[in-house]
């Protein structure tokens, strides 16, 4: 921008971004924010992977339904629309959106399904089966994003506390000593057993190299780790995963275990019941034998989540 040009009103909206971290304007990287963003992306990826693998679908092998894509669509958009593609005579589950007027139960009377190359088609509700992610018909991504950010900030706090607990070395040198002192510190860090120094130049080495205590309490690191573990456990519960509170397992009572299991089971059924309703409608409409269960590995967990024989959920 030339000196004679005055910033327009449109340019003002970029001021905070362009001048972030600098008094004289322009961009400047913030290593701490970069590191936190990297950790947040890691947690977002991990939690997303766990969320899309929560459910086990069977009976869809002969259809054209891609279960991975269907669960990703449910996680991100809260809706996947199942319909029979009359061109290929295959049953598909794709991204879609409600359309048309709502009926008396506030269910859409039409759906717009979207394929690759942004091709879309409007289909009447009687020809499709909508799979909703839950009864509120909202995505689960808010849980992932909120807790990924919270866990990333705790991780970064633990990293900084650990760095401050190292008691870093500060070297008080002049220009003639600087390079020699840096070489000496490097040899110490590399674990060299013998370090030769000039006795005349470094008679009072204690006055040149000192350690600095930034006041970081090592016990605080452990407390932060406990807080992070509890935040992770809360996130697992909201996504329907069992989580053992190991830091106080010796004090856990049976009532606490039962209460935690009840909450986890409730969160599981939040998503599972909506999928089961869609599963029953798919079997009726498309003559399938599809089933959906919560994806658990242990028999005890499976017994808790599966309905009793001859009864309902």
C-alpha atoms as a PDB file:
ATOM      1  CA  UNK A   1       0.000   0.000   0.000  1.00  0.00           C
ATOM      2  CA  UNK A   2       1.431   3.401  -0.921  1.00  0.00           C
ATOM      3  CA  UNK A   3       1.899   6.108   1.689  1.00  0.00           C
ATOM      4  CA  UNK A   4      -0.660   8.329  -0.029  1.00  0.00           C
ATOM      5  CA  UNK A   5      -3.377   5.678  -0.041  1.00  0.00           C
ATOM      6  CA  UNK A   6      -5.786   5.616   2.852  1.00  0.00           C
ATOM      7  CA  UNK A   7      -7.101   2.225   4.013  1.00  0.00           C
ATOM      8  CA  UNK A   8     -10.665   1.554   2.974  1.00  0.00           C
ATOM      9  CA  UNK A   9     -13.414   0.425   5.309  1.00  0.00           C
ATOM     10  CA  UNK A  10     -13.091  -3.083   3.888  1.00  0.00           C
ATOM     11  CA  UNK A  11      -9.398  -3.250   4.871  1.00  0.00           C
ATOM     12  CA  UNK A  12     -10.277  -2.528   8.495  1.00  0.00           C
ATOM     13  CA  UNK A  13     -11.699  -6.021   9.013  1.00  0.00           C
ATOM     14  CA  UNK A  14      -8.219  -7.474   8.414  1.00  0.00           C
ATOM     15  CA  UNK A  15      -6.404  -5.204  10.880  1.00  0.00           C
ATOM     16  CA  UNK A  16      -6.453  -7.620  13.815  1.00  0.00           C
ATOM     17  CA  UNK A  17      -5.165 -10.441  11.640  1.00  0.00           C
ATOM     18  CA  UNK A  18      -2.499  -8.460   9.797  1.00  0.00           C
ATOM     19  CA  UNK A  19      -1.192  -6.797  12.947  1.00  0.00           C
ATOM     20  CA  UNK A  20      -1.389  -9.816  15.244  1.00  0.00           C
ATOM     21  CA  UNK A  21       1.566  -9.919  17.583  1.00  0.00           C
ATOM     22  CA  UNK A  22       3.343  -6.901  16.103  1.00  0.00           C
ATOM     23  CA  UNK A  23       3.330  -3.221  16.867  1.00  0.00           C
ATOM     24  CA  UNK A  24       4.451  -2.256  13.359  1.00  0.00           C
ATOM     25  CA  UNK A  25       2.025  -4.460  11.429  1.00  0.00           C
ATOM     26  CA  UNK A  26       2.562  -7.537   9.262  1.00  0.00           C
ATOM     27  CA  UNK A  27       2.564 -11.263   9.934  1.00  0.00           C
ATOM     28  CA  UNK A  28       4.537 -13.008  12.643  1.00  0.00           C
ATOM     29  CA  UNK A  29       4.437 -16.674  13.554  1.00  0.00           C
ATOM     30  CA  UNK A  30       3.576 -17.650  17.098  1.00  0.00           C
ATOM     31  CA  UNK A  31       5.363 -20.951  17.932  1.00  0.00           C
ATOM     32  CA  UNK A  32       3.147 -21.587  20.959  1.00  0.00           C
ATOM     33  CA  UNK A  33      -0.079 -21.186  18.945  1.00  0.00           C
ATOM     34  CA  UNK A  34       1.367 -23.324  16.140  1.00  0.00           C
ATOM     35  CA  UNK A  35       2.220 -26.106  18.584  1.00  0.00           C
ATOM     36  CA  UNK A  36      -1.235 -25.955  20.200  1.00  0.00           C
ATOM     37  CA  UNK A  37      -2.899 -26.083  16.770  1.00  0.00           C
ATOM     38  CA  UNK A  38      -0.875 -29.188  15.843  1.00  0.00           C
ATOM     39  CA  UNK A  39      -1.934 -30.956  19.051  1.00  0.00           C
ATOM     40  CA  UNK A  40      -5.558 -29.903  18.507  1.00  0.00           C
ATOM     41  CA  UNK A  41      -5.541 -31.379  14.996  1.00  0.00           C
ATOM     42  CA  UNK A  42      -4.111 -34.612  16.409  1.00  0.00           C
ATOM     43  CA  UNK A  43      -6.895 -34.906  18.989  1.00  0.00           C
ATOM     44  CA  UNK A  44      -9.508 -34.011  16.372  1.00  0.00           C
ATOM     45  CA  UNK A  45      -8.236 -36.819  14.156  1.00  0.00           C
ATOM     46  CA  UNK A  46      -8.104 -39.363  16.999  1.00  0.00           C
ATOM     47  CA  UNK A  47     -11.579 -38.535  18.329  1.00  0.00           C
ATOM     48  CA  UNK A  48     -13.044 -38.552  14.802  1.00  0.00           C
ATOM     49  CA  UNK A  49     -11.556 -41.991  14.127  1.00  0.00           C
ATOM     50  CA  UNK A  50     -13.022 -43.306  17.373  1.00  0.00           C
ATOM     51  CA  UNK A  51     -16.423 -41.743  16.735  1.00  0.00           C
ATOM     52  CA  UNK A  52     -16.888 -43.191  13.241  1.00  0.00           C
ATOM     53  CA  UNK A  53     -15.970 -46.680  14.509  1.00  0.00           C
ATOM     54  CA  UNK A  54     -18.548 -46.766  17.301  1.00  0.00           C
ATOM     55  CA  UNK A  55     -21.144 -48.829  15.428  1.00  0.00           C
ATOM     56  CA  UNK A  56     -21.064 -52.243  13.785  1.00  0.00           C
ATOM     57  CA  UNK A  57     -23.358 -52.672  10.771  1.00  0.00           C
ATOM     58  CA  UNK A  58     -24.194 -56.098   9.347  1.00  0.00           C
ATOM     59  CA  UNK A  59     -26.428 -57.226   6.483  1.00  0.00           C
ATOM     60  CA  UNK A  60     -25.321 -54.454   4.114  1.00  0.00           C
ATOM     61  CA  UNK A  61     -22.574 -56.400   2.358  1.00  0.00           C
ATOM     62  CA  UNK A  62     -24.609 -56.988  -0.826  1.00  0.00           C
ATOM     63  CA  UNK A  63     -25.632 -53.354  -1.183  1.00  0.00           C
ATOM     64  CA  UNK A  64     -23.648 -50.415  -2.468  1.00  0.00           C
ATOM     65  CA  UNK A  65     -23.532 -48.767   0.955  1.00  0.00           C
ATOM     66  CA  UNK A  66     -20.078 -47.642   2.066  1.00  0.00           C
ATOM     67  CA  UNK A  67     -20.334 -47.867   5.862  1.00  0.00           C
ATOM     68  CA  UNK A  68     -17.236 -45.727   6.400  1.00  0.00           C
ATOM     69  CA  UNK A  69     -18.656 -42.896   4.285  1.00  0.00           C
ATOM     70  CA  UNK A  70     -22.094 -43.286   5.852  1.00  0.00           C
ATOM     71  CA  UNK A  71     -20.726 -42.924   9.407  1.00  0.00           C
ATOM     72  CA  UNK A  72     -18.541 -39.973   8.402  1.00  0.00           C
ATOM     73  CA  UNK A  73     -21.601 -38.307   6.903  1.00  0.00           C
ATOM     74  CA  UNK A  74     -23.607 -38.914  10.075  1.00  0.00           C
ATOM     75  CA  UNK A  75     -20.806 -37.519  12.224  1.00  0.00           C
ATOM     76  CA  UNK A  76     -20.279 -34.364  10.159  1.00  0.00           C
ATOM     77  CA  UNK A  77     -23.800 -33.550   8.979  1.00  0.00           C
ATOM     78  CA  UNK A  78     -26.149 -35.541  11.228  1.00  0.00           C
ATOM     79  CA  UNK A  79     -27.942 -37.169   8.258  1.00  0.00           C
ATOM     80  CA  UNK A  80     -27.288 -39.867   5.665  1.00  0.00           C
ATOM     81  CA  UNK A  81     -29.972 -40.664   3.098  1.00  0.00           C
ATOM     82  CA  UNK A  82     -30.446 -44.254   1.909  1.00  0.00           C
ATOM     83  CA  UNK A  83     -32.157 -44.803  -1.440  1.00  0.00           C
ATOM     84  CA  UNK A  84     -32.211 -47.219  -4.347  1.00  0.00           C
ATOM     85  CA  UNK A  85     -30.328 -45.941  -7.387  1.00  0.00           C
ATOM     86  CA  UNK A  86     -32.471 -47.058 -10.284  1.00  0.00           C
ATOM     87  CA  UNK A  87     -29.656 -46.642 -12.801  1.00  0.00           C
ATOM     88  CA  UNK A  88     -27.488 -49.263 -11.095  1.00  0.00           C
ATOM     89  CA  UNK A  89     -30.235 -50.955  -9.042  1.00  0.00           C
ATOM     90  CA  UNK A  90     -28.020 -50.628  -5.968  1.00  0.00           C
ATOM     91  CA  UNK A  91     -28.833 -49.232  -2.543  1.00  0.00           C
ATOM     92  CA  UNK A  92     -26.711 -46.225  -1.603  1.00  0.00           C
ATOM     93  CA  UNK A  93     -26.217 -44.110   1.522  1.00  0.00           C
ATOM     94  CA  UNK A  94     -25.125 -40.591   0.604  1.00  0.00           C
ATOM     95  CA  UNK A  95     -25.043 -37.076   1.953  1.00  0.00           C
ATOM     96  CA  UNK A  96     -28.415 -35.351   1.854  1.00  0.00           C
ATOM     97  CA  UNK A  97     -30.541 -32.586   3.252  1.00  0.00           C
ATOM     98  CA  UNK A  98     -34.257 -32.209   4.124  1.00  0.00           C
ATOM     99  CA  UNK A  99     -36.423 -30.463   1.544  1.00  0.00           C
ATOM    100  CA  UNK A 100     -40.053 -29.631   0.970  1.00  0.00           C
ATOM    101  CA  UNK A 101     -42.681 -28.953   3.644  1.00  0.00           C
ATOM    102  CA  UNK A 102     -42.665 -30.824   6.956  1.00  0.00           C
ATOM    103  CA  UNK A 103     -45.450 -33.230   7.901  1.00  0.00           C
ATOM    104  CA  UNK A 104     -47.351 -33.210  11.192  1.00  0.00           C
ATOM    105  CA  UNK A 105     -44.427 -34.957  12.995  1.00  0.00           C
ATOM    106  CA  UNK A 106     -41.959 -32.414  11.594  1.00  0.00           C
ATOM    107  CA  UNK A 107     -40.413 -35.002   9.288  1.00  0.00           C
ATOM    108  CA  UNK A 108     -39.318 -33.867   5.827  1.00  0.00           C
ATOM    109  CA  UNK A 109     -41.508 -34.895   2.904  1.00  0.00           C
ATOM    110  CA  UNK A 110     -38.564 -34.710   0.482  1.00  0.00           C
ATOM    111  CA  UNK A 111     -34.798 -35.093   0.554  1.00  0.00           C
ATOM    112  CA  UNK A 112     -32.090 -33.676  -1.687  1.00  0.00           C
ATOM    113  CA  UNK A 113     -29.320 -36.244  -2.119  1.00  0.00           C
ATOM    114  CA  UNK A 114     -25.870 -35.098  -3.214  1.00  0.00           C
ATOM    115  CA  UNK A 115     -23.371 -37.175  -5.164  1.00  0.00           C
ATOM    116  CA  UNK A 116     -19.938 -36.582  -6.622  1.00  0.00           C
ATOM    117  CA  UNK A 117     -19.315 -33.569  -8.881  1.00  0.00           C
ATOM    118  CA  UNK A 118     -21.989 -31.817  -6.747  1.00  0.00           C
ATOM    119  CA  UNK A 119     -24.778 -33.540  -8.634  1.00  0.00           C
ATOM    120  CA  UNK A 120     -28.012 -33.522  -6.672  1.00  0.00           C
ATOM    121  CA  UNK A 121     -31.481 -34.994  -6.939  1.00  0.00           C
ATOM    122  CA  UNK A 122     -34.714 -34.419  -5.020  1.00  0.00           C
ATOM    123  CA  UNK A 123     -36.501 -37.618  -3.941  1.00  0.00           C
ATOM    124  CA  UNK A 124     -39.812 -38.037  -2.137  1.00  0.00           C
ATOM    125  CA  UNK A 125     -39.529 -39.248   1.456  1.00  0.00           C
ATOM    126  CA  UNK A 126     -41.498 -42.412   0.688  1.00  0.00           C
ATOM    127  CA  UNK A 127     -38.660 -43.616  -1.561  1.00  0.00           C
ATOM    128  CA  UNK A 128     -35.787 -43.029   0.871  1.00  0.00           C
ATOM    129  CA  UNK A 129     -34.744 -43.876   4.426  1.00  0.00           C
ATOM    130  CA  UNK A 130     -33.113 -41.058   6.386  1.00  0.00           C
ATOM    131  CA  UNK A 131     -30.531 -42.138   8.962  1.00  0.00           C
ATOM    132  CA  UNK A 132     -30.246 -39.480  11.641  1.00  0.00           C
ATOM    133  CA  UNK A 133     -27.255 -39.371  13.971  1.00  0.00           C
ATOM    134  CA  UNK A 134     -29.509 -38.850  17.017  1.00  0.00           C
ATOM    135  CA  UNK A 135     -33.023 -37.797  17.974  1.00  0.00           C
ATOM    136  CA  UNK A 136     -32.106 -34.104  17.815  1.00  0.00           C
ATOM    137  CA  UNK A 137     -30.724 -34.743  14.311  1.00  0.00           C
ATOM    138  CA  UNK A 138     -27.530 -32.798  14.944  1.00  0.00           C
ATOM    139  CA  UNK A 139     -23.869 -33.706  14.257  1.00  0.00           C
ATOM    140  CA  UNK A 140     -21.508 -34.902  17.001  1.00  0.00           C
ATOM    141  CA  UNK A 141     -18.644 -32.740  15.804  1.00  0.00           C
ATOM    142  CA  UNK A 142     -19.215 -30.140  18.531  1.00  0.00           C
ATOM    143  CA  UNK A 143     -18.077 -32.661  21.157  1.00  0.00           C
ATOM    144  CA  UNK A 144     -14.948 -33.460  19.156  1.00  0.00           C
ATOM    145  CA  UNK A 145     -13.972 -29.851  18.452  1.00  0.00           C
ATOM    146  CA  UNK A 146     -14.568 -28.593  21.996  1.00  0.00           C
ATOM    147  CA  UNK A 147     -12.657 -31.384  23.706  1.00  0.00           C
ATOM    148  CA  UNK A 148      -9.883 -31.483  21.112  1.00  0.00           C
ATOM    149  CA  UNK A 149      -9.192 -27.815  21.869  1.00  0.00           C
ATOM    150  CA  UNK A 150      -9.459 -28.324  25.618  1.00  0.00           C
ATOM    151  CA  UNK A 151      -7.113 -31.321  25.579  1.00  0.00           C
ATOM    152  CA  UNK A 152      -4.648 -29.502  23.321  1.00  0.00           C
ATOM    153  CA  UNK A 153      -4.470 -26.542  25.695  1.00  0.00           C
ATOM    154  CA  UNK A 154      -3.865 -28.868  28.651  1.00  0.00           C
ATOM    155  CA  UNK A 155      -1.185 -30.769  26.724  1.00  0.00           C
ATOM    156  CA  UNK A 156       0.562 -27.530  25.806  1.00  0.00           C
ATOM    157  CA  UNK A 157       0.396 -26.342  29.432  1.00  0.00           C
ATOM    158  CA  UNK A 158       2.001 -29.604  30.574  1.00  0.00           C
ATOM    159  CA  UNK A 159       4.729 -29.231  27.948  1.00  0.00           C
ATOM    160  CA  UNK A 160       5.552 -25.689  29.057  1.00  0.00           C
ATOM    161  CA  UNK A 161       5.536 -26.696  32.728  1.00  0.00           C
ATOM    162  CA  UNK A 162       7.905 -29.568  31.919  1.00  0.00           C
ATOM    163  CA  UNK A 163      10.225 -27.233  30.005  1.00  0.00           C
ATOM    164  CA  UNK A 164      10.295 -24.753  32.908  1.00  0.00           C
ATOM    165  CA  UNK A 165      11.075 -27.556  35.359  1.00  0.00           C
ATOM    166  CA  UNK A 166      14.345 -28.309  33.559  1.00  0.00           C
ATOM    167  CA  UNK A 167      16.124 -25.316  35.170  1.00  0.00           C
ATOM    168  CA  UNK A 168      17.628 -23.972  31.947  1.00  0.00           C
ATOM    169  CA  UNK A 169      21.243 -22.784  31.806  1.00  0.00           C
ATOM    170  CA  UNK A 170      22.011 -19.105  31.275  1.00  0.00           C
ATOM    171  CA  UNK A 171      25.495 -18.084  30.126  1.00  0.00           C
ATOM    172  CA  UNK A 172      26.827 -14.606  31.032  1.00  0.00           C
ATOM    173  CA  UNK A 173      29.544 -13.996  28.427  1.00  0.00           C
ATOM    174  CA  UNK A 174      31.128 -11.299  26.353  1.00  0.00           C
ATOM    175  CA  UNK A 175      31.702 -11.534  22.607  1.00  0.00           C
ATOM    176  CA  UNK A 176      35.126 -13.141  23.081  1.00  0.00           C
ATOM    177  CA  UNK A 177      33.742 -15.910  25.295  1.00  0.00           C
ATOM    178  CA  UNK A 178      30.390 -16.546  23.626  1.00  0.00           C
ATOM    179  CA  UNK A 179      31.433 -19.152  21.042  1.00  0.00           C
ATOM    180  CA  UNK A 180      33.635 -21.072  23.484  1.00  0.00           C
ATOM    181  CA  UNK A 181      30.914 -21.190  26.113  1.00  0.00           C
ATOM    182  CA  UNK A 182      28.325 -22.368  23.584  1.00  0.00           C
ATOM    183  CA  UNK A 183      30.671 -25.160  22.481  1.00  0.00           C
ATOM    184  CA  UNK A 184      31.146 -26.177  26.099  1.00  0.00           C
ATOM    185  CA  UNK A 185      27.398 -26.265  26.756  1.00  0.00           C
ATOM    186  CA  UNK A 186      26.905 -28.323  23.576  1.00  0.00           C
ATOM    187  CA  UNK A 187      29.459 -30.882  24.758  1.00  0.00           C
ATOM    188  CA  UNK A 188      27.675 -31.138  28.101  1.00  0.00           C
ATOM    189  CA  UNK A 189      24.336 -31.753  26.329  1.00  0.00           C
ATOM    190  CA  UNK A 190      25.965 -34.400  24.121  1.00  0.00           C
ATOM    191  CA  UNK A 191      27.247 -36.233  27.186  1.00  0.00           C
ATOM    192  CA  UNK A 192      30.961 -35.757  26.557  1.00  0.00           C
ATOM    193  CA  UNK A 193      32.757 -37.171  29.678  1.00  0.00           C
ATOM    194  CA  UNK A 194      35.754 -34.824  29.365  1.00  0.00           C
ATOM    195  CA  UNK A 195      35.468 -31.122  28.521  1.00  0.00           C
ATOM    196  CA  UNK A 196      38.609 -29.032  28.221  1.00  0.00           C
ATOM    197  CA  UNK A 197      38.460 -25.324  29.018  1.00  0.00           C
ATOM    198  CA  UNK A 198      41.023 -22.525  29.206  1.00  0.00           C
ATOM    199  CA  UNK A 199      41.830 -22.177  32.901  1.00  0.00           C
ATOM    200  CA  UNK A 200      43.006 -18.589  32.520  1.00  0.00           C
ATOM    201  CA  UNK A 201      39.925 -17.503  30.630  1.00  0.00           C
ATOM    202  CA  UNK A 202      37.425 -19.343  32.819  1.00  0.00           C
ATOM    203  CA  UNK A 203      38.859 -19.063  36.323  1.00  0.00           C
ATOM    204  CA  UNK A 204      35.429 -18.241  37.784  1.00  0.00           C
ATOM    205  CA  UNK A 205      33.165 -20.505  35.741  1.00  0.00           C
ATOM    206  CA  UNK A 206      30.441 -20.258  38.399  1.00  0.00           C
ATOM    207  CA  UNK A 207      29.975 -16.611  37.516  1.00  0.00           C
ATOM    208  CA  UNK A 208      29.645 -17.362  33.793  1.00  0.00           C
ATOM    209  CA  UNK A 209      27.187 -20.287  33.762  1.00  0.00           C
ATOM    210  CA  UNK A 210      24.197 -20.335  36.092  1.00  0.00           C
ATOM    211  CA  UNK A 211      20.954 -22.251  36.223  1.00  0.00           C
ATOM    212  CA  UNK A 212      17.670 -20.354  36.443  1.00  0.00           C
ATOM    213  CA  UNK A 213      14.666 -21.584  38.399  1.00  0.00           C
ATOM    214  CA  UNK A 214      11.428 -20.397  36.764  1.00  0.00           C
ATOM    215  CA  UNK A 215       9.413 -21.568  39.762  1.00  0.00           C
ATOM    216  CA  UNK A 216       7.750 -24.543  38.059  1.00  0.00           C
ATOM    217  CA  UNK A 217       6.497 -27.058  40.630  1.00  0.00           C
ATOM    218  CA  UNK A 218       7.078 -30.670  39.449  1.00  0.00           C
ATOM    219  CA  UNK A 219       4.004 -31.748  41.457  1.00  0.00           C
ATOM    220  CA  UNK A 220       1.886 -29.362  39.394  1.00  0.00           C
ATOM    221  CA  UNK A 221       2.738 -31.353  36.260  1.00  0.00           C
ATOM    222  CA  UNK A 222       1.225 -34.477  37.782  1.00  0.00           C
ATOM    223  CA  UNK A 223      -1.885 -32.545  38.821  1.00  0.00           C
ATOM    224  CA  UNK A 224      -2.268 -31.176  35.296  1.00  0.00           C
ATOM    225  CA  UNK A 225      -1.978 -34.702  33.931  1.00  0.00           C
ATOM    226  CA  UNK A 226      -4.774 -35.824  36.274  1.00  0.00           C
ATOM    227  CA  UNK A 227      -6.967 -32.953  35.037  1.00  0.00           C
ATOM    228  CA  UNK A 228      -6.241 -33.927  31.430  1.00  0.00           C
ATOM    229  CA  UNK A 229      -7.158 -37.553  32.207  1.00  0.00           C
ATOM    230  CA  UNK A 230     -10.482 -36.430  33.672  1.00  0.00           C
ATOM    231  CA  UNK A 231     -11.223 -34.235  30.647  1.00  0.00           C
ATOM    232  CA  UNK A 232     -10.429 -37.181  28.366  1.00  0.00           C
ATOM    233  CA  UNK A 233     -12.738 -39.389  30.438  1.00  0.00           C
ATOM    234  CA  UNK A 234     -15.573 -36.860  30.156  1.00  0.00           C
ATOM    235  CA  UNK A 235     -15.109 -36.753  26.395  1.00  0.00           C
ATOM    236  CA  UNK A 236     -15.142 -40.565  26.206  1.00  0.00           C
ATOM    237  CA  UNK A 237     -18.377 -40.673  28.172  1.00  0.00           C
ATOM    238  CA  UNK A 238     -20.073 -38.150  25.878  1.00  0.00           C
ATOM    239  CA  UNK A 239     -19.094 -40.279  22.873  1.00  0.00           C
ATOM    240  CA  UNK A 240     -20.310 -43.470  24.577  1.00  0.00           C
ATOM    241  CA  UNK A 241     -16.986 -45.087  25.447  1.00  0.00           C
ATOM    242  CA  UNK A 242     -16.200 -46.775  28.741  1.00  0.00           C
ATOM    243  CA  UNK A 243     -13.410 -45.078  30.650  1.00  0.00           C
ATOM    244  CA  UNK A 244     -11.672 -46.324  33.791  1.00  0.00           C
ATOM    245  CA  UNK A 245     -10.747 -43.559  36.221  1.00  0.00           C
ATOM    246  CA  UNK A 246      -7.385 -45.095  37.136  1.00  0.00           C
ATOM    247  CA  UNK A 247      -6.113 -42.259  39.317  1.00  0.00           C
ATOM    248  CA  UNK A 248      -8.595 -43.127  42.082  1.00  0.00           C
ATOM    249  CA  UNK A 249      -9.422 -46.737  41.335  1.00  0.00           C
ATOM    250  CA  UNK A 250      -8.712 -47.787  44.939  1.00  0.00           C
ATOM    251  CA  UNK A 251     -11.537 -45.512  46.158  1.00  0.00           C
ATOM    252  CA  UNK A 252     -14.115 -46.268  43.492  1.00  0.00           C
ATOM    253  CA  UNK A 253     -17.291 -47.722  44.944  1.00  0.00           C
ATOM    254  CA  UNK A 254     -19.769 -49.989  43.235  1.00  0.00           C
ATOM    255  CA  UNK A 255     -22.353 -47.193  43.180  1.00  0.00           C
ATOM    256  CA  UNK A 256     -19.938 -44.919  41.305  1.00  0.00           C
ATOM    257  CA  UNK A 257     -19.225 -47.639  38.753  1.00  0.00           C
ATOM    258  CA  UNK A 258     -22.944 -48.272  38.212  1.00  0.00           C
ATOM    259  CA  UNK A 259     -23.642 -44.554  37.842  1.00  0.00           C
ATOM    260  CA  UNK A 260     -20.854 -44.178  35.291  1.00  0.00           C
ATOM    261  CA  UNK A 261     -22.052 -47.229  33.343  1.00  0.00           C
ATOM    262  CA  UNK A 262     -25.611 -45.854  33.267  1.00  0.00           C
ATOM    263  CA  UNK A 263     -24.401 -42.545  31.846  1.00  0.00           C
ATOM    264  CA  UNK A 264     -22.246 -44.259  29.225  1.00  0.00           C
ATOM    265  CA  UNK A 265     -25.123 -46.552  28.212  1.00  0.00           C
ATOM    266  CA  UNK A 266     -27.451 -43.551  27.910  1.00  0.00           C
ATOM    267  CA  UNK A 267     -25.006 -41.750  25.626  1.00  0.00           C
ATOM    268  CA  UNK A 268     -24.664 -44.890  23.518  1.00  0.00           C
ATOM    269  CA  UNK A 269     -28.406 -45.199  23.037  1.00  0.00           C
ATOM    270  CA  UNK A 270     -28.603 -41.520  22.031  1.00  0.00           C
ATOM    271  CA  UNK A 271     -26.962 -42.466  18.740  1.00  0.00           C
ATOM    272  CA  UNK A 272     -27.848 -46.149  18.578  1.00  0.00           C
ATOM    273  CA  UNK A 273     -31.644 -45.777  18.819  1.00  0.00           C
ATOM    274  CA  UNK A 274     -31.780 -43.402  15.871  1.00  0.00           C
ATOM    275  CA  UNK A 275     -29.760 -45.841  13.768  1.00  0.00           C
ATOM    276  CA  UNK A 276     -31.916 -48.790  14.820  1.00  0.00           C
ATOM    277  CA  UNK A 277     -35.073 -46.992  13.751  1.00  0.00           C
ATOM    278  CA  UNK A 278     -33.534 -46.363  10.338  1.00  0.00           C
ATOM    279  CA  UNK A 279     -32.343 -49.967  10.202  1.00  0.00           C
ATOM    280  CA  UNK A 280     -35.874 -51.316  10.747  1.00  0.00           C
ATOM    281  CA  UNK A 281     -37.230 -49.026   8.033  1.00  0.00           C
ATOM    282  CA  UNK A 282     -34.470 -50.078   5.586  1.00  0.00           C
ATOM    283  CA  UNK A 283     -35.272 -53.738   6.146  1.00  0.00           C
ATOM    284  CA  UNK A 284     -38.948 -53.090   5.475  1.00  0.00           C
ATOM    285  CA  UNK A 285     -38.524 -50.798   2.475  1.00  0.00           C
ATOM    286  CA  UNK A 286     -35.611 -52.499   0.690  1.00  0.00           C
ATOM    287  CA  UNK A 287     -36.107 -56.115   1.846  1.00  0.00           C
ATOM    288  CA  UNK A 288     -32.822 -56.255   3.754  1.00  0.00           C
ATOM    289  CA  UNK A 289     -31.659 -58.003   6.913  1.00  0.00           C
ATOM    290  CA  UNK A 290     -29.546 -55.148   8.270  1.00  0.00           C
ATOM    291  CA  UNK A 291     -28.586 -54.821  11.918  1.00  0.00           C
ATOM    292  CA  UNK A 292     -26.624 -52.227  13.860  1.00  0.00           C
ATOM    293  CA  UNK A 293     -24.969 -52.647  17.245  1.00  0.00           C
ATOM    294  CA  UNK A 294     -22.592 -50.655  19.350  1.00  0.00           C
ATOM    295  CA  UNK A 295     -19.076 -51.769  18.477  1.00  0.00           C
ATOM    296  CA  UNK A 296     -17.783 -53.298  21.719  1.00  0.00           C
ATOM    297  CA  UNK A 297     -15.113 -55.946  22.050  1.00  0.00           C
ATOM    298  CA  UNK A 298     -15.721 -57.492  25.466  1.00  0.00           C
ATOM    299  CA  UNK A 299     -18.615 -59.845  26.124  1.00  0.00           C
ATOM    300  CA  UNK A 300     -19.498 -58.048  29.372  1.00  0.00           C
ATOM    301  CA  UNK A 301     -19.854 -54.714  27.587  1.00  0.00           C
ATOM    302  CA  UNK A 302     -21.864 -56.352  24.816  1.00  0.00           C
ATOM    303  CA  UNK A 303     -24.254 -57.844  27.369  1.00  0.00           C
ATOM    304  CA  UNK A 304     -24.860 -54.403  28.848  1.00  0.00           C
ATOM    305  CA  UNK A 305     -25.626 -52.671  25.568  1.00  0.00           C
ATOM    306  CA  UNK A 306     -27.538 -55.414  23.736  1.00  0.00           C
ATOM    307  CA  UNK A 307     -31.290 -55.756  24.408  1.00  0.00           C
ATOM    308  CA  UNK A 308     -32.577 -58.791  26.242  1.00  0.00           C
ATOM    309  CA  UNK A 309     -33.856 -61.727  24.201  1.00  0.00           C
ATOM    310  CA  UNK A 310     -37.564 -61.330  23.505  1.00  0.00           C
ATOM    311  CA  UNK A 311     -37.658 -57.791  24.864  1.00  0.00           C
ATOM    312  CA  UNK A 312     -37.126 -54.263  23.689  1.00  0.00           C
ATOM    313  CA  UNK A 313     -34.224 -51.947  24.265  1.00  0.00           C
END
